[in-house]
């Protein structure tokens, strides 16, 4: 297996099918090791795979059942995020007290906490769904900073449904409407990834110009959004 396959939505879909899609959605949002998985492009290509016109081009013998995707993907995304929140709440700062490695970077955690601070818990939980890496690390950060589980669940559901079903339906309708859409799967996935990381790039450039760090890790979180009791 080529390591680059791990970043290919088509490879995951053809190799593991529907169960693989749902597992990846859960892992990317619930397990810290899943941040590199192709969540956005996976959902779009899976939506295309639910279209009878495109399924064979994606590499499928039969189309995916769209209703199963529209129900299963949000459930897995919501369950994964809740697990991440629970881990963050229980493990606290110890969870992220580890040196940088080839996969893990402290800046990933800092960026997630930055969005939590900037937009507030509710907006951050929803918006993070559409930002790679941040959607993985924000959930445990929200738990670590004391966001109440019930409050997190409400906005987790909103973000999970918008993210999964929005991209699935986008892929499904694009597959039905655009002639020879299989030619554009790889370029389209690249565009999706690029659009997803634009917010991160903008913030990084802004912080570099100002000479400020995106977050001060040593500072104790303050305000009504932090250290809430469950």
C-alpha atoms as a PDB file:
ATOM      1  CA  UNK A   1       0.000   0.000   0.000  1.00  0.00           C
ATOM      2  CA  UNK A   2       1.308   3.431  -0.963  1.00  0.00           C
ATOM      3  CA  UNK A   3       1.233   5.836   1.986  1.00  0.00           C
ATOM      4  CA  UNK A   4      -0.312   8.449  -0.305  1.00  0.00           C
ATOM      5  CA  UNK A   5      -3.386   6.233  -0.510  1.00  0.00           C
ATOM      6  CA  UNK A   6      -4.217   7.255   3.057  1.00  0.00           C
ATOM      7  CA  UNK A   7      -4.961  10.744   1.765  1.00  0.00           C
ATOM      8  CA  UNK A   8      -7.045   9.518  -1.182  1.00  0.00           C
ATOM      9  CA  UNK A   9     -10.803   9.518  -0.660  1.00  0.00           C
ATOM     10  CA  UNK A  10     -11.300   7.156  -3.608  1.00  0.00           C
ATOM     11  CA  UNK A  11      -8.879   4.601  -2.166  1.00  0.00           C
ATOM     12  CA  UNK A  12     -10.689   4.511   1.186  1.00  0.00           C
ATOM     13  CA  UNK A  13     -14.087   4.219  -0.491  1.00  0.00           C
ATOM     14  CA  UNK A  14     -13.120   1.447  -2.907  1.00  0.00           C
ATOM     15  CA  UNK A  15     -11.086  -0.475  -0.307  1.00  0.00           C
ATOM     16  CA  UNK A  16     -13.404  -0.302   2.700  1.00  0.00           C
ATOM     17  CA  UNK A  17     -16.782   0.722   1.294  1.00  0.00           C
ATOM     18  CA  UNK A  18     -19.612   2.170   3.353  1.00  0.00           C
ATOM     19  CA  UNK A  19     -18.327   0.847   6.696  1.00  0.00           C
ATOM     20  CA  UNK A  20     -14.953   2.430   5.972  1.00  0.00           C
ATOM     21  CA  UNK A  21     -16.540   5.812   5.288  1.00  0.00           C
ATOM     22  CA  UNK A  22     -18.455   5.817   8.563  1.00  0.00           C
ATOM     23  CA  UNK A  23     -15.423   4.608  10.511  1.00  0.00           C
ATOM     24  CA  UNK A  24     -13.224   7.353   9.086  1.00  0.00           C
ATOM     25  CA  UNK A  25     -15.793  10.045   9.896  1.00  0.00           C
ATOM     26  CA  UNK A  26     -15.871   8.797  13.482  1.00  0.00           C
ATOM     27  CA  UNK A  27     -12.078   8.540  13.758  1.00  0.00           C
ATOM     28  CA  UNK A  28     -11.358  11.952  12.250  1.00  0.00           C
ATOM     29  CA  UNK A  29     -13.623  13.711  14.723  1.00  0.00           C
ATOM     30  CA  UNK A  30     -13.135  11.497  17.777  1.00  0.00           C
ATOM     31  CA  UNK A  31      -9.575  10.171  17.758  1.00  0.00           C
ATOM     32  CA  UNK A  32      -6.567  12.482  17.729  1.00  0.00           C
ATOM     33  CA  UNK A  33      -4.723  10.126  15.389  1.00  0.00           C
ATOM     34  CA  UNK A  34      -7.412  10.624  12.746  1.00  0.00           C
ATOM     35  CA  UNK A  35      -6.683  14.263  11.931  1.00  0.00           C
ATOM     36  CA  UNK A  36      -4.870  13.406   8.672  1.00  0.00           C
ATOM     37  CA  UNK A  37      -7.791  11.463   7.185  1.00  0.00           C
ATOM     38  CA  UNK A  38      -9.560  12.949   4.100  1.00  0.00           C
ATOM     39  CA  UNK A  39     -12.881  13.904   5.713  1.00  0.00           C
ATOM     40  CA  UNK A  40     -14.116  16.649   3.360  1.00  0.00           C
ATOM     41  CA  UNK A  41     -13.151  15.003   0.084  1.00  0.00           C
ATOM     42  CA  UNK A  42     -14.299  11.619   1.424  1.00  0.00           C
ATOM     43  CA  UNK A  43     -17.821  12.933   2.010  1.00  0.00           C
ATOM     44  CA  UNK A  44     -18.038  14.574  -1.408  1.00  0.00           C
ATOM     45  CA  UNK A  45     -16.775  11.484  -3.238  1.00  0.00           C
ATOM     46  CA  UNK A  46     -19.073   9.266  -1.135  1.00  0.00           C
ATOM     47  CA  UNK A  47     -21.984  11.467  -2.204  1.00  0.00           C
ATOM     48  CA  UNK A  48     -20.935  10.987  -5.809  1.00  0.00           C
ATOM     49  CA  UNK A  49     -20.787   7.255  -5.138  1.00  0.00           C
ATOM     50  CA  UNK A  50     -24.473   7.351  -4.204  1.00  0.00           C
ATOM     51  CA  UNK A  51     -25.287   8.538  -7.724  1.00  0.00           C
ATOM     52  CA  UNK A  52     -25.938   5.740 -10.191  1.00  0.00           C
ATOM     53  CA  UNK A  53     -24.301   7.834 -12.918  1.00  0.00           C
ATOM     54  CA  UNK A  54     -20.988   8.114 -11.117  1.00  0.00           C
ATOM     55  CA  UNK A  55     -20.702   5.031  -8.890  1.00  0.00           C
ATOM     56  CA  UNK A  56     -18.791   2.969 -11.441  1.00  0.00           C
ATOM     57  CA  UNK A  57     -16.419   5.866 -12.163  1.00  0.00           C
ATOM     58  CA  UNK A  58     -15.593   6.084  -8.463  1.00  0.00           C
ATOM     59  CA  UNK A  59     -14.810   2.362  -8.506  1.00  0.00           C
ATOM     60  CA  UNK A  60     -18.013   0.942  -7.024  1.00  0.00           C
ATOM     61  CA  UNK A  61     -20.000  -1.997  -8.341  1.00  0.00           C
ATOM     62  CA  UNK A  62     -23.265  -0.552  -7.010  1.00  0.00           C
ATOM     63  CA  UNK A  63     -24.151   2.937  -5.731  1.00  0.00           C
ATOM     64  CA  UNK A  64     -24.088   3.660  -2.019  1.00  0.00           C
ATOM     65  CA  UNK A  65     -27.552   3.933  -0.420  1.00  0.00           C
ATOM     66  CA  UNK A  66     -27.942   7.686   0.023  1.00  0.00           C
ATOM     67  CA  UNK A  67     -30.366   7.479   3.018  1.00  0.00           C
ATOM     68  CA  UNK A  68     -27.861   5.314   4.911  1.00  0.00           C
ATOM     69  CA  UNK A  69     -25.126   7.856   4.255  1.00  0.00           C
ATOM     70  CA  UNK A  70     -27.327  10.801   5.261  1.00  0.00           C
ATOM     71  CA  UNK A  71     -28.219   9.131   8.565  1.00  0.00           C
ATOM     72  CA  UNK A  72     -25.056   7.190   9.352  1.00  0.00           C
ATOM     73  CA  UNK A  73     -22.466   9.878   8.612  1.00  0.00           C
ATOM     74  CA  UNK A  74     -23.929  12.512  11.000  1.00  0.00           C
ATOM     75  CA  UNK A  75     -24.331   9.907  13.740  1.00  0.00           C
ATOM     76  CA  UNK A  76     -20.678   8.875  13.420  1.00  0.00           C
ATOM     77  CA  UNK A  77     -19.499  12.487  13.263  1.00  0.00           C
ATOM     78  CA  UNK A  78     -21.523  13.428  16.349  1.00  0.00           C
ATOM     79  CA  UNK A  79     -20.481  10.324  18.293  1.00  0.00           C
ATOM     80  CA  UNK A  80     -16.821  10.880  17.419  1.00  0.00           C
ATOM     81  CA  UNK A  81     -16.900  14.498  18.565  1.00  0.00           C
ATOM     82  CA  UNK A  82     -18.613  13.542  21.813  1.00  0.00           C
ATOM     83  CA  UNK A  83     -15.863  11.014  22.462  1.00  0.00           C
ATOM     84  CA  UNK A  84     -13.256  13.690  21.798  1.00  0.00           C
ATOM     85  CA  UNK A  85     -14.996  16.064  24.224  1.00  0.00           C
ATOM     86  CA  UNK A  86     -15.158  13.329  26.874  1.00  0.00           C
ATOM     87  CA  UNK A  87     -11.464  12.506  26.475  1.00  0.00           C
ATOM     88  CA  UNK A  88     -10.542  16.185  26.780  1.00  0.00           C
ATOM     89  CA  UNK A  89     -12.704  16.633  29.863  1.00  0.00           C
ATOM     90  CA  UNK A  90     -11.219  13.583  31.597  1.00  0.00           C
ATOM     91  CA  UNK A  91      -7.596  13.838  30.534  1.00  0.00           C
ATOM     92  CA  UNK A  92      -7.339  17.633  30.584  1.00  0.00           C
ATOM     93  CA  UNK A  93      -4.002  19.317  29.776  1.00  0.00           C
ATOM     94  CA  UNK A  94      -2.161  15.990  30.230  1.00  0.00           C
ATOM     95  CA  UNK A  95      -3.664  14.884  26.931  1.00  0.00           C
ATOM     96  CA  UNK A  96      -1.633  17.462  25.024  1.00  0.00           C
ATOM     97  CA  UNK A  97       1.487  17.505  27.198  1.00  0.00           C
ATOM     98  CA  UNK A  98       3.595  15.727  24.622  1.00  0.00           C
ATOM     99  CA  UNK A  99       6.509  16.804  22.410  1.00  0.00           C
ATOM    100  CA  UNK A 100       6.081  17.527  18.720  1.00  0.00           C
ATOM    101  CA  UNK A 101       6.474  14.576  16.393  1.00  0.00           C
ATOM    102  CA  UNK A 102       6.106  13.931  12.692  1.00  0.00           C
ATOM    103  CA  UNK A 103       2.332  13.660  13.116  1.00  0.00           C
ATOM    104  CA  UNK A 104       1.504  15.603  16.274  1.00  0.00           C
ATOM    105  CA  UNK A 105       2.244  19.330  16.598  1.00  0.00           C
ATOM    106  CA  UNK A 106       1.423  21.571  19.531  1.00  0.00           C
ATOM    107  CA  UNK A 107       0.324  24.201  17.026  1.00  0.00           C
ATOM    108  CA  UNK A 108      -2.664  22.001  16.124  1.00  0.00           C
ATOM    109  CA  UNK A 109      -3.928  22.270  19.685  1.00  0.00           C
ATOM    110  CA  UNK A 110      -3.157  25.979  19.853  1.00  0.00           C
ATOM    111  CA  UNK A 111      -5.071  26.611  16.641  1.00  0.00           C
ATOM    112  CA  UNK A 112      -8.121  24.717  17.947  1.00  0.00           C
ATOM    113  CA  UNK A 113      -8.038  26.680  21.196  1.00  0.00           C
ATOM    114  CA  UNK A 114      -7.597  29.906  19.220  1.00  0.00           C
ATOM    115  CA  UNK A 115     -10.861  29.310  17.343  1.00  0.00           C
ATOM    116  CA  UNK A 116     -12.571  28.393  20.607  1.00  0.00           C
ATOM    117  CA  UNK A 117     -11.425  31.684  22.133  1.00  0.00           C
ATOM    118  CA  UNK A 118     -12.133  33.840  19.081  1.00  0.00           C
ATOM    119  CA  UNK A 119     -15.627  32.660  18.115  1.00  0.00           C
ATOM    120  CA  UNK A 120     -16.928  31.362  21.427  1.00  0.00           C
ATOM    121  CA  UNK A 121     -17.833  27.720  22.140  1.00  0.00           C
ATOM    122  CA  UNK A 122     -21.030  27.453  20.072  1.00  0.00           C
ATOM    123  CA  UNK A 123     -19.750  28.949  16.823  1.00  0.00           C
ATOM    124  CA  UNK A 124     -16.377  27.257  17.186  1.00  0.00           C
ATOM    125  CA  UNK A 125     -17.899  23.785  17.517  1.00  0.00           C
ATOM    126  CA  UNK A 126     -19.927  24.324  14.314  1.00  0.00           C
ATOM    127  CA  UNK A 127     -17.278  26.128  12.255  1.00  0.00           C
ATOM    128  CA  UNK A 128     -14.532  23.680  13.208  1.00  0.00           C
ATOM    129  CA  UNK A 129     -16.343  20.965  11.271  1.00  0.00           C
ATOM    130  CA  UNK A 130     -15.322  22.654   8.037  1.00  0.00           C
ATOM    131  CA  UNK A 131     -11.646  23.150   8.934  1.00  0.00           C
ATOM    132  CA  UNK A 132      -9.277  20.154   8.648  1.00  0.00           C
ATOM    133  CA  UNK A 133      -7.207  19.336  11.749  1.00  0.00           C
ATOM    134  CA  UNK A 134      -9.128  21.914  13.799  1.00  0.00           C
ATOM    135  CA  UNK A 135     -12.255  19.721  13.703  1.00  0.00           C
ATOM    136  CA  UNK A 136     -10.223  16.916  15.286  1.00  0.00           C
ATOM    137  CA  UNK A 137      -8.544  18.883  18.064  1.00  0.00           C
ATOM    138  CA  UNK A 138     -11.288  21.349  18.973  1.00  0.00           C
ATOM    139  CA  UNK A 139     -13.504  18.673  20.527  1.00  0.00           C
ATOM    140  CA  UNK A 140     -11.043  17.594  23.241  1.00  0.00           C
ATOM    141  CA  UNK A 141     -10.031  21.236  23.702  1.00  0.00           C
ATOM    142  CA  UNK A 142     -13.697  22.095  24.371  1.00  0.00           C
ATOM    143  CA  UNK A 143     -13.816  19.341  26.974  1.00  0.00           C
ATOM    144  CA  UNK A 144     -10.536  20.445  28.505  1.00  0.00           C
ATOM    145  CA  UNK A 145     -11.781  24.047  28.803  1.00  0.00           C
ATOM    146  CA  UNK A 146     -14.946  22.912  30.567  1.00  0.00           C
ATOM    147  CA  UNK A 147     -17.694  23.294  27.959  1.00  0.00           C
ATOM    148  CA  UNK A 148     -20.734  21.489  29.403  1.00  0.00           C
ATOM    149  CA  UNK A 149     -21.453  18.128  27.699  1.00  0.00           C
ATOM    150  CA  UNK A 150     -25.135  18.982  27.059  1.00  0.00           C
ATOM    151  CA  UNK A 151     -24.263  22.351  25.576  1.00  0.00           C
ATOM    152  CA  UNK A 152     -21.522  20.774  23.466  1.00  0.00           C
ATOM    153  CA  UNK A 153     -23.926  18.075  22.255  1.00  0.00           C
ATOM    154  CA  UNK A 154     -26.445  20.609  20.916  1.00  0.00           C
ATOM    155  CA  UNK A 155     -23.909  22.450  18.779  1.00  0.00           C
ATOM    156  CA  UNK A 156     -22.112  19.245  17.926  1.00  0.00           C
ATOM    157  CA  UNK A 157     -25.347  17.966  16.363  1.00  0.00           C
ATOM    158  CA  UNK A 158     -25.797  21.182  14.387  1.00  0.00           C
ATOM    159  CA  UNK A 159     -22.241  21.141  13.061  1.00  0.00           C
ATOM    160  CA  UNK A 160     -22.193  17.399  12.431  1.00  0.00           C
ATOM    161  CA  UNK A 161     -25.363  17.416  10.329  1.00  0.00           C
ATOM    162  CA  UNK A 162     -24.396  20.523   8.342  1.00  0.00           C
ATOM    163  CA  UNK A 163     -20.931  19.192   7.583  1.00  0.00           C
ATOM    164  CA  UNK A 164     -21.706  15.593   6.665  1.00  0.00           C
ATOM    165  CA  UNK A 165     -25.060  15.914   4.932  1.00  0.00           C
ATOM    166  CA  UNK A 166     -24.090  19.189   3.266  1.00  0.00           C
ATOM    167  CA  UNK A 167     -21.020  17.669   1.582  1.00  0.00           C
ATOM    168  CA  UNK A 168     -22.752  14.367   0.826  1.00  0.00           C
ATOM    169  CA  UNK A 169     -25.641  16.108  -0.939  1.00  0.00           C
ATOM    170  CA  UNK A 170     -23.241  18.402  -2.752  1.00  0.00           C
ATOM    171  CA  UNK A 171     -21.359  15.381  -4.113  1.00  0.00           C
ATOM    172  CA  UNK A 172     -24.582  13.559  -4.985  1.00  0.00           C
ATOM    173  CA  UNK A 173     -26.115  16.406  -6.961  1.00  0.00           C
ATOM    174  CA  UNK A 174     -22.834  17.284  -8.654  1.00  0.00           C
ATOM    175  CA  UNK A 175     -22.555  13.651  -9.715  1.00  0.00           C
ATOM    176  CA  UNK A 176     -26.014  13.782 -11.256  1.00  0.00           C
ATOM    177  CA  UNK A 177     -25.745  17.194 -12.886  1.00  0.00           C
ATOM    178  CA  UNK A 178     -22.183  17.466 -14.232  1.00  0.00           C
ATOM    179  CA  UNK A 179     -21.397  15.375 -17.358  1.00  0.00           C
ATOM    180  CA  UNK A 180     -18.290  13.171 -17.014  1.00  0.00           C
ATOM    181  CA  UNK A 181     -17.818  14.360 -13.451  1.00  0.00           C
ATOM    182  CA  UNK A 182     -15.398  11.466 -12.798  1.00  0.00           C
ATOM    183  CA  UNK A 183     -12.762  13.464 -14.693  1.00  0.00           C
ATOM    184  CA  UNK A 184     -12.916  16.146 -12.042  1.00  0.00           C
ATOM    185  CA  UNK A 185     -12.866  14.012  -8.878  1.00  0.00           C
ATOM    186  CA  UNK A 186      -9.168  14.463  -8.114  1.00  0.00           C
ATOM    187  CA  UNK A 187      -8.998  18.179  -9.041  1.00  0.00           C
ATOM    188  CA  UNK A 188     -12.259  18.721  -7.168  1.00  0.00           C
ATOM    189  CA  UNK A 189     -10.912  17.034  -4.044  1.00  0.00           C
ATOM    190  CA  UNK A 190      -7.827  19.253  -4.221  1.00  0.00           C
ATOM    191  CA  UNK A 191     -10.018  22.363  -4.451  1.00  0.00           C
ATOM    192  CA  UNK A 192     -12.109  21.232  -1.467  1.00  0.00           C
ATOM    193  CA  UNK A 193      -8.993  20.716   0.639  1.00  0.00           C
ATOM    194  CA  UNK A 194      -7.610  24.089  -0.463  1.00  0.00           C
ATOM    195  CA  UNK A 195     -10.825  25.911   0.425  1.00  0.00           C
ATOM    196  CA  UNK A 196     -10.900  24.152   3.775  1.00  0.00           C
ATOM    197  CA  UNK A 197      -7.453  25.336   4.812  1.00  0.00           C
ATOM    198  CA  UNK A 198      -7.893  28.939   3.651  1.00  0.00           C
ATOM    199  CA  UNK A 199      -9.188  30.065   7.080  1.00  0.00           C
ATOM    200  CA  UNK A 200      -6.112  28.584   8.763  1.00  0.00           C
ATOM    201  CA  UNK A 201      -3.728  30.180   6.256  1.00  0.00           C
ATOM    202  CA  UNK A 202      -5.396  33.574   6.691  1.00  0.00           C
ATOM    203  CA  UNK A 203      -5.088  33.432  10.460  1.00  0.00           C
ATOM    204  CA  UNK A 204      -1.464  32.289  10.315  1.00  0.00           C
ATOM    205  CA  UNK A 205      -0.538  35.119   7.943  1.00  0.00           C
ATOM    206  CA  UNK A 206      -2.415  37.624  10.081  1.00  0.00           C
ATOM    207  CA  UNK A 207      -0.609  36.460  13.214  1.00  0.00           C
ATOM    208  CA  UNK A 208       2.776  36.590  11.508  1.00  0.00           C
ATOM    209  CA  UNK A 209       2.202  40.156  10.339  1.00  0.00           C
ATOM    210  CA  UNK A 210       1.215  41.233  13.831  1.00  0.00           C
ATOM    211  CA  UNK A 211       4.058  39.249  15.364  1.00  0.00           C
ATOM    212  CA  UNK A 212       1.640  37.648  17.814  1.00  0.00           C
ATOM    213  CA  UNK A 213       1.161  34.025  18.712  1.00  0.00           C
ATOM    214  CA  UNK A 214      -2.318  32.649  17.880  1.00  0.00           C
ATOM    215  CA  UNK A 215      -2.701  31.851  21.543  1.00  0.00           C
ATOM    216  CA  UNK A 216      -0.822  32.185  24.786  1.00  0.00           C
ATOM    217  CA  UNK A 217      -0.703  28.628  26.133  1.00  0.00           C
ATOM    218  CA  UNK A 218       0.498  29.694  29.562  1.00  0.00           C
ATOM    219  CA  UNK A 219      -2.460  31.987  30.128  1.00  0.00           C
ATOM    220  CA  UNK A 220      -5.244  30.639  32.291  1.00  0.00           C
ATOM    221  CA  UNK A 221      -8.561  30.582  30.360  1.00  0.00           C
ATOM    222  CA  UNK A 222     -10.966  33.192  31.587  1.00  0.00           C
ATOM    223  CA  UNK A 223     -14.551  34.254  30.954  1.00  0.00           C
ATOM    224  CA  UNK A 224     -17.931  32.638  31.052  1.00  0.00           C
ATOM    225  CA  UNK A 225     -17.046  30.130  28.320  1.00  0.00           C
ATOM    226  CA  UNK A 226     -14.362  28.408  30.359  1.00  0.00           C
ATOM    227  CA  UNK A 227     -14.144  26.011  33.237  1.00  0.00           C
ATOM    228  CA  UNK A 228     -17.850  25.334  33.377  1.00  0.00           C
ATOM    229  CA  UNK A 229     -18.953  22.503  35.553  1.00  0.00           C
ATOM    230  CA  UNK A 230     -20.742  19.634  33.829  1.00  0.00           C
END
